Amino acid sequence: MLRIRKLVLAIAAASALSSGMAHALGLGELTLKSAQNQPLDAEIELLDVRDLTAAEVVPSLAPVEEFSKAGVERQ
């Protein structure tokens, strides 16, 4: 469970640091839907979306370089 939480936090932090659009969004509560040792299935509430539509919000993993800067291994 701790490993999944660290992974989710690393993804959120790396995404926020590498995406210009993410600076306009706030990250709210994380809801974990997957069990331990299962593929990650989680929802993160987005805050301050203003007039953005769901189609305009495109989450993605940060580049390997950003993970390295954060000291996190990207799998």
PDB file of N, CA and C in Angstrom:
ATOM      1  N   MET A   1       0.831  -1.191   0.000  1.00  0.00           N
ATOM      2  CA  MET A   1       0.000   0.000   0.000  1.00  0.00           C
ATOM      3  C   MET A   1       0.875   1.254   0.000  1.00  0.00           C
ATOM      4  N   LEU A   2       1.948   1.224   0.778  1.00  0.00           N
ATOM      5  CA  LEU A   2       2.843   2.376   0.858  1.00  0.00           C
ATOM      6  C   LEU A   2       3.522   2.616  -0.480  1.00  0.00           C
ATOM      7  N   ARG A   3       3.881   1.533  -1.179  1.00  0.00           N
ATOM      8  CA  ARG A   3       4.540   1.665  -2.487  1.00  0.00           C
ATOM      9  C   ARG A   3       3.587   2.310  -3.491  1.00  0.00           C
ATOM     10  N   ILE A   4       2.326   1.904  -3.478  1.00  0.00           N
ATOM     11  CA  ILE A   4       1.338   2.487  -4.390  1.00  0.00           C
ATOM     12  C   ILE A   4       1.166   3.961  -4.077  1.00  0.00           C
ATOM     13  N   ARG A   5       1.088   4.292  -2.815  1.00  0.00           N
ATOM     14  CA  ARG A   5       0.909   5.694  -2.435  1.00  0.00           C
ATOM     15  C   ARG A   5       2.101   6.543  -2.897  1.00  0.00           C
ATOM     16  N   LYS A   6       3.310   6.016  -2.708  1.00  0.00           N
ATOM     17  CA  LYS A   6       4.498   6.743  -3.157  1.00  0.00           C
ATOM     18  C   LYS A   6       4.477   6.921  -4.668  1.00  0.00           C
ATOM     19  N   LEU A   7       4.061   5.884  -5.389  1.00  0.00           N
ATOM     20  CA  LEU A   7       3.994   5.964  -6.845  1.00  0.00           C
ATOM     21  C   LEU A   7       2.988   7.018  -7.281  1.00  0.00           C
ATOM     22  N   VAL A   8       1.819   7.019  -6.676  1.00  0.00           N
ATOM     23  CA  VAL A   8       0.791   8.003  -7.027  1.00  0.00           C
ATOM     24  C   VAL A   8       1.281   9.412  -6.727  1.00  0.00           C
ATOM     25  N   LEU A   9       1.899   9.605  -5.581  1.00  0.00           N
ATOM     26  CA  LEU A   9       2.420  10.925  -5.236  1.00  0.00           C
ATOM     27  C   LEU A   9       3.530  11.349  -6.187  1.00  0.00           C
ATOM     28  N   ALA A  10       4.385  10.413  -6.566  1.00  0.00           N
ATOM     29  CA  ALA A  10       5.460  10.736  -7.503  1.00  0.00           C
ATOM     30  C   ALA A  10       4.907  11.119  -8.869  1.00  0.00           C
ATOM     31  N   ILE A  11       3.902  10.385  -9.330  1.00  0.00           N
ATOM     32  CA  ILE A  11       3.282  10.701 -10.619  1.00  0.00           C
ATOM     33  C   ILE A  11       2.626  12.066 -10.567  1.00  0.00           C
ATOM     34  N   ALA A  12       1.891  12.325  -9.508  1.00  0.00           N
ATOM     35  CA  ALA A  12       1.219  13.620  -9.381  1.00  0.00           C
ATOM     36  C   ALA A  12       2.229  14.761  -9.330  1.00  0.00           C
ATOM     37  N   ALA A  13       3.284  14.583  -8.546  1.00  0.00           N
ATOM     38  CA  ALA A  13       4.289  15.640  -8.426  1.00  0.00           C
ATOM     39  C   ALA A  13       5.036  15.847  -9.736  1.00  0.00           C
ATOM     40  N   ALA A  14       5.437  14.765 -10.364  1.00  0.00           N
ATOM     41  CA  ALA A  14       6.170  14.885 -11.628  1.00  0.00           C
ATOM     42  C   ALA A  14       5.296  15.492 -12.713  1.00  0.00           C
ATOM     43  N   SER A  15       4.038  15.111 -12.749  1.00  0.00           N
ATOM     44  CA  SER A  15       3.126  15.672 -13.746  1.00  0.00           C
ATOM     45  C   SER A  15       2.919  17.159 -13.516  1.00  0.00           C
ATOM     46  N   ALA A  16       2.757  17.532 -12.277  1.00  0.00           N
ATOM     47  CA  ALA A  16       2.547  18.947 -11.968  1.00  0.00           C
ATOM     48  C   ALA A  16       3.773  19.784 -12.317  1.00  0.00           C
ATOM     49  N   LEU A  17       4.952  19.225 -12.132  1.00  0.00           N
ATOM     50  CA  LEU A  17       6.178  19.963 -12.416  1.00  0.00           C
ATOM     51  C   LEU A  17       6.488  20.059 -13.902  1.00  0.00           C
ATOM     52  N   SER A  18       6.021  19.105 -14.686  1.00  0.00           N
ATOM     53  CA  SER A  18       6.415  19.066 -16.092  1.00  0.00           C
ATOM     54  C   SER A  18       5.366  19.601 -17.053  1.00  0.00           C
ATOM     55  N   SER A  19       4.164  19.849 -16.592  1.00  0.00           N
ATOM     56  CA  SER A  19       3.096  20.260 -17.492  1.00  0.00           C
ATOM     57  C   SER A  19       2.684  21.696 -17.214  1.00  0.00           C
ATOM     58  N   GLY A  20       2.703  22.527 -18.242  1.00  0.00           N
ATOM     59  CA  GLY A  20       2.275  23.916 -18.086  1.00  0.00           C
ATOM     60  C   GLY A  20       0.822  24.023 -17.672  1.00  0.00           C
ATOM     61  N   MET A  21      -0.016  23.151 -18.182  1.00  0.00           N
ATOM     62  CA  MET A  21      -1.438  23.193 -17.856  1.00  0.00           C
ATOM     63  C   MET A  21      -1.677  22.832 -16.390  1.00  0.00           C
ATOM     64  N   ALA A  22      -0.873  21.945 -15.847  1.00  0.00           N
ATOM     65  CA  ALA A  22      -1.073  21.493 -14.475  1.00  0.00           C
ATOM     66  C   ALA A  22      -0.901  22.622 -13.472  1.00  0.00           C
ATOM     67  N   HIS A  23      -0.161  23.668 -13.847  1.00  0.00           N
ATOM     68  CA  HIS A  23       0.017  24.780 -12.925  1.00  0.00           C
ATOM     69  C   HIS A  23      -1.298  25.502 -12.668  1.00  0.00           C
ATOM     70  N   ALA A  24      -2.247  25.368 -13.567  1.00  0.00           N
ATOM     71  CA  ALA A  24      -3.534  26.023 -13.403  1.00  0.00           C
ATOM     72  C   ALA A  24      -4.514  25.152 -12.631  1.00  0.00           C
ATOM     73  N   LEU A  25      -4.161  23.919 -12.378  1.00  0.00           N
ATOM     74  CA  LEU A  25      -5.048  22.986 -11.696  1.00  0.00           C
ATOM     75  C   LEU A  25      -4.544  22.699 -10.294  1.00  0.00           C
ATOM     76  N   GLY A  26      -5.470  22.417  -9.414  1.00  0.00           N
ATOM     77  CA  GLY A  26      -5.107  21.962  -8.085  1.00  0.00           C
ATOM     78  C   GLY A  26      -5.432  20.486  -7.975  1.00  0.00           C
ATOM     79  N   LEU A  27      -4.639  19.757  -7.215  1.00  0.00           N
ATOM     80  CA  LEU A  27      -4.900  18.344  -6.998  1.00  0.00           C
ATOM     81  C   LEU A  27      -5.577  18.176  -5.655  1.00  0.00           C
ATOM     82  N   GLY A  28      -6.727  17.514  -5.670  1.00  0.00           N
ATOM     83  CA  GLY A  28      -7.496  17.301  -4.453  1.00  0.00           C
ATOM     84  C   GLY A  28      -7.270  15.910  -3.891  1.00  0.00           C
ATOM     85  N   GLU A  29      -8.323  15.365  -3.320  1.00  0.00           N
ATOM     86  CA  GLU A  29      -8.246  14.083  -2.634  1.00  0.00           C
ATOM     87  C   GLU A  29      -8.030  12.927  -3.608  1.00  0.00           C
ATOM     88  N   LEU A  30      -7.218  11.972  -3.189  1.00  0.00           N
ATOM     89  CA  LEU A  30      -6.944  10.765  -3.957  1.00  0.00           C
ATOM     90  C   LEU A  30      -7.850   9.651  -3.454  1.00  0.00           C
ATOM     91  N   THR A  31      -8.531   8.978  -4.374  1.00  0.00           N
ATOM     92  CA  THR A  31      -9.349   7.822  -4.026  1.00  0.00           C
ATOM     93  C   THR A  31      -8.738   6.598  -4.687  1.00  0.00           C
ATOM     94  N   LEU A  32      -8.223   5.690  -3.889  1.00  0.00           N
ATOM     95  CA  LEU A  32      -7.591   4.473  -4.389  1.00  0.00           C
ATOM     96  C   LEU A  32      -8.655   3.396  -4.528  1.00  0.00           C
ATOM     97  N   LYS A  33      -8.777   2.821  -5.720  1.00  0.00           N
ATOM     98  CA  LYS A  33      -9.799   1.812  -5.981  1.00  0.00           C
ATOM     99  C   LYS A  33      -9.218   0.414  -6.144  1.00  0.00           C
ATOM    100  N   SER A  34      -7.910   0.312  -6.332  1.00  0.00           N
ATOM    101  CA  SER A  34      -7.289  -0.997  -6.536  1.00  0.00           C
ATOM    102  C   SER A  34      -6.748  -1.540  -5.220  1.00  0.00           C
ATOM    103  N   ALA A  35      -6.591  -2.851  -5.193  1.00  0.00           N
ATOM    104  CA  ALA A  35      -6.035  -3.514  -4.015  1.00  0.00           C
ATOM    105  C   ALA A  35      -4.521  -3.632  -4.166  1.00  0.00           C
ATOM    106  N   GLN A  36      -3.874  -3.979  -3.075  1.00  0.00           N
ATOM    107  CA  GLN A  36      -2.425  -4.163  -3.100  1.00  0.00           C
ATOM    108  C   GLN A  36      -2.065  -5.266  -4.091  1.00  0.00           C
ATOM    109  N   ASN A  37      -0.952  -5.090  -4.795  1.00  0.00           N
ATOM    110  CA  ASN A  37      -0.456  -6.029  -5.809  1.00  0.00           C
ATOM    111  C   ASN A  37      -1.367  -6.133  -7.029  1.00  0.00           C
ATOM    112  N   GLN A  38      -2.227  -5.152  -7.221  1.00  0.00           N
ATOM    113  CA  GLN A  38      -3.081  -5.067  -8.402  1.00  0.00           C
ATOM    114  C   GLN A  38      -2.668  -3.837  -9.201  1.00  0.00           C
ATOM    115  N   PRO A  39      -3.015  -3.784 -10.492  1.00  0.00           N
ATOM    116  CA  PRO A  39      -2.717  -2.568 -11.265  1.00  0.00           C
ATOM    117  C   PRO A  39      -3.357  -1.347 -10.604  1.00  0.00           C
ATOM    118  N   LEU A  40      -2.646  -0.248 -10.637  1.00  0.00           N
ATOM    119  CA  LEU A  40      -3.121   0.974  -9.992  1.00  0.00           C
ATOM    120  C   LEU A  40      -4.407   1.457 -10.635  1.00  0.00           C
ATOM    121  N   ASP A  41      -5.411   1.691  -9.821  1.00  0.00           N
ATOM    122  CA  ASP A  41      -6.680   2.267 -10.252  1.00  0.00           C
ATOM    123  C   ASP A  41      -7.039   3.305  -9.199  1.00  0.00           C
ATOM    124  N   ALA A  42      -6.892   4.568  -9.554  1.00  0.00           N
ATOM    125  CA  ALA A  42      -7.124   5.639  -8.589  1.00  0.00           C
ATOM    126  C   ALA A  42      -7.728   6.843  -9.282  1.00  0.00           C
ATOM    127  N   GLU A  43      -8.399   7.671  -8.507  1.00  0.00           N
ATOM    128  CA  GLU A  43      -8.938   8.930  -9.001  1.00  0.00           C
ATOM    129  C   GLU A  43      -8.372  10.053  -8.150  1.00  0.00           C
ATOM    130  N   ILE A  44      -7.982  11.133  -8.803  1.00  0.00           N
ATOM    131  CA  ILE A  44      -7.503  12.318  -8.106  1.00  0.00           C
ATOM    132  C   ILE A  44      -8.434  13.464  -8.468  1.00  0.00           C
ATOM    133  N   GLU A  45      -9.033  14.055  -7.463  1.00  0.00           N
ATOM    134  CA  GLU A  45      -9.936  15.180  -7.684  1.00  0.00           C
ATOM    135  C   GLU A  45      -9.135  16.378  -8.204  1.00  0.00           C
ATOM    136  N   LEU A  46      -9.647  17.016  -9.248  1.00  0.00           N
ATOM    137  CA  LEU A  46      -9.007  18.217  -9.783  1.00  0.00           C
ATOM    138  C   LEU A  46      -9.733  19.444  -9.259  1.00  0.00           C
ATOM    139  N   LEU A  47      -8.972  20.393  -8.744  1.00  0.00           N
ATOM    140  CA  LEU A  47      -9.527  21.622  -8.198  1.00  0.00           C
ATOM    141  C   LEU A  47      -9.208  22.777  -9.135  1.00  0.00           C
ATOM    142  N   ASP A  48      -9.990  23.814  -9.092  1.00  0.00           N
ATOM    143  CA  ASP A  48      -9.756  25.029  -9.878  1.00  0.00           C
ATOM    144  C   ASP A  48      -9.684  24.753 -11.375  1.00  0.00           C
ATOM    145  N   VAL A  49     -10.604  23.936 -11.888  1.00  0.00           N
ATOM    146  CA  VAL A  49     -10.582  23.615 -13.316  1.00  0.00           C
ATOM    147  C   VAL A  49     -11.175  24.739 -14.164  1.00  0.00           C
ATOM    148  N   ARG A  50     -11.833  25.676 -13.540  1.00  0.00           N
ATOM    149  CA  ARG A  50     -12.447  26.815 -14.224  1.00  0.00           C
ATOM    150  C   ARG A  50     -13.335  26.338 -15.361  1.00  0.00           C
ATOM    151  N   ASP A  51     -13.057  26.759 -16.582  1.00  0.00           N
ATOM    152  CA  ASP A  51     -13.927  26.388 -17.702  1.00  0.00           C
ATOM    153  C   ASP A  51     -13.354  25.255 -18.554  1.00  0.00           C
ATOM    154  N   LEU A  52     -12.392  24.515 -18.020  1.00  0.00           N
ATOM    155  CA  LEU A  52     -11.830  23.387 -18.762  1.00  0.00           C
ATOM    156  C   LEU A  52     -12.841  22.249 -18.844  1.00  0.00           C
ATOM    157  N   THR A  53     -12.862  21.577 -19.989  1.00  0.00           N
ATOM    158  CA  THR A  53     -13.697  20.385 -20.132  1.00  0.00           C
ATOM    159  C   THR A  53     -12.841  19.156 -19.856  1.00  0.00           C
ATOM    160  N   ALA A  54     -13.492  18.027 -19.670  1.00  0.00           N
ATOM    161  CA  ALA A  54     -12.755  16.783 -19.425  1.00  0.00           C
ATOM    162  C   ALA A  54     -11.833  16.456 -20.596  1.00  0.00           C
ATOM    163  N   ALA A  55     -12.235  16.802 -21.808  1.00  0.00           N
ATOM    164  CA  ALA A  55     -11.409  16.522 -22.988  1.00  0.00           C
ATOM    165  C   ALA A  55     -10.135  17.362 -23.016  1.00  0.00           C
ATOM    166  N   GLU A  56     -10.140  18.493 -22.343  1.00  0.00           N
ATOM    167  CA  GLU A  56      -8.975  19.379 -22.331  1.00  0.00           C
ATOM    168  C   GLU A  56      -7.950  19.000 -21.264  1.00  0.00           C
ATOM    169  N   VAL A  57      -8.339  18.165 -20.337  1.00  0.00           N
ATOM    170  CA  VAL A  57      -7.430  17.715 -19.281  1.00  0.00           C
ATOM    171  C   VAL A  57      -6.874  16.359 -19.707  1.00  0.00           C
ATOM    172  N   VAL A  58      -5.583  16.327 -20.034  1.00  0.00           N
ATOM    173  CA  VAL A  58      -4.957  15.105 -20.546  1.00  0.00           C
ATOM    174  C   VAL A  58      -3.822  14.703 -19.606  1.00  0.00           C
ATOM    175  N   PRO A  59      -4.092  13.795 -18.669  1.00  0.00           N
ATOM    176  CA  PRO A  59      -3.034  13.364 -17.750  1.00  0.00           C
ATOM    177  C   PRO A  59      -2.038  12.460 -18.464  1.00  0.00           C
ATOM    178  N   SER A  60      -0.794  12.542 -18.033  1.00  0.00           N
ATOM    179  CA  SER A  60       0.242  11.678 -18.594  1.00  0.00           C
ATOM    180  C   SER A  60       1.390  11.579 -17.599  1.00  0.00           C
ATOM    181  N   LEU A  61       2.227  10.588 -17.808  1.00  0.00           N
ATOM    182  CA  LEU A  61       3.419  10.456 -16.976  1.00  0.00           C
ATOM    183  C   LEU A  61       4.454  11.477 -17.408  1.00  0.00           C
ATOM    184  N   ALA A  62       5.179  11.959 -16.459  1.00  0.00           N
ATOM    185  CA  ALA A  62       6.268  12.893 -16.753  1.00  0.00           C
ATOM    186  C   ALA A  62       7.397  12.144 -17.450  1.00  0.00           C
ATOM    187  N   PRO A  63       8.265  12.873 -18.148  1.00  0.00           N
ATOM    188  CA  PRO A  63       9.426  12.226 -18.779  1.00  0.00           C
ATOM    189  C   PRO A  63      10.344  11.594 -17.731  1.00  0.00           C
ATOM    190  N   VAL A  64      11.131  10.633 -18.171  1.00  0.00           N
ATOM    191  CA  VAL A  64      12.062   9.923 -17.289  1.00  0.00           C
ATOM    192  C   VAL A  64      12.967  10.900 -16.550  1.00  0.00           C
ATOM    193  N   GLU A  65      13.368  11.979 -17.215  1.00  0.00           N
ATOM    194  CA  GLU A  65      14.259  12.965 -16.595  1.00  0.00           C
ATOM    195  C   GLU A  65      13.635  13.584 -15.343  1.00  0.00           C
ATOM    196  N   GLU A  66      12.334  13.837 -15.383  1.00  0.00           N
ATOM    197  CA  GLU A  66      11.660  14.429 -14.221  1.00  0.00           C
ATOM    198  C   GLU A  66      11.614  13.446 -13.055  1.00  0.00           C
ATOM    199  N   PHE A  67      11.403  12.170 -13.349  1.00  0.00           N
ATOM    200  CA  PHE A  67      11.429  11.164 -12.296  1.00  0.00           C
ATOM    201  C   PHE A  67      12.821  11.108 -11.675  1.00  0.00           C
ATOM    202  N   SER A  68      13.849  11.164 -12.524  1.00  0.00           N
ATOM    203  CA  SER A  68      15.228  11.131 -12.030  1.00  0.00           C
ATOM    204  C   SER A  68      15.516  12.321 -11.128  1.00  0.00           C
ATOM    205  N   LYS A  69      15.067  13.507 -11.532  1.00  0.00           N
ATOM    206  CA  LYS A  69      15.264  14.710 -10.706  1.00  0.00           C
ATOM    207  C   LYS A  69      14.623  14.549  -9.336  1.00  0.00           C
ATOM    208  N   ALA A  70      13.465  13.874  -9.311  1.00  0.00           N
ATOM    209  CA  ALA A  70      12.747  13.677  -8.054  1.00  0.00           C
ATOM    210  C   ALA A  70      13.292  12.494  -7.262  1.00  0.00           C
ATOM    211  N   GLY A  71      14.238  11.750  -7.850  1.00  0.00           N
ATOM    212  CA  GLY A  71      14.804  10.596  -7.158  1.00  0.00           C
ATOM    213  C   GLY A  71      13.859   9.417  -7.099  1.00  0.00           C
ATOM    214  N   VAL A  72      12.966   9.310  -8.104  1.00  0.00           N
ATOM    215  CA  VAL A  72      11.973   8.238  -8.137  1.00  0.00           C
ATOM    216  C   VAL A  72      12.211   7.392  -9.381  1.00  0.00           C
ATOM    217  N   GLU A  73      12.156   6.073  -9.226  1.00  0.00           N
ATOM    218  CA  GLU A  73      12.340   5.174 -10.363  1.00  0.00           C
ATOM    219  C   GLU A  73      11.044   5.084 -11.151  1.00  0.00           C
ATOM    220  N   ARG A  74      11.123   5.302 -12.447  1.00  0.00           N
ATOM    221  CA  ARG A  74       9.945   5.170 -13.314  1.00  0.00           C
ATOM    222  C   ARG A  74       9.941   3.765 -13.894  1.00  0.00           C
ATOM    223  N   GLN A  75       8.854   3.047 -13.685  1.00  0.00           N
ATOM    224  CA  GLN A  75       8.751   1.664 -14.171  1.00  0.00           C
ATOM    225  C   GLN A  75       7.916   1.610 -15.415  1.00  0.00           C
TER     226      GLN A  75
END
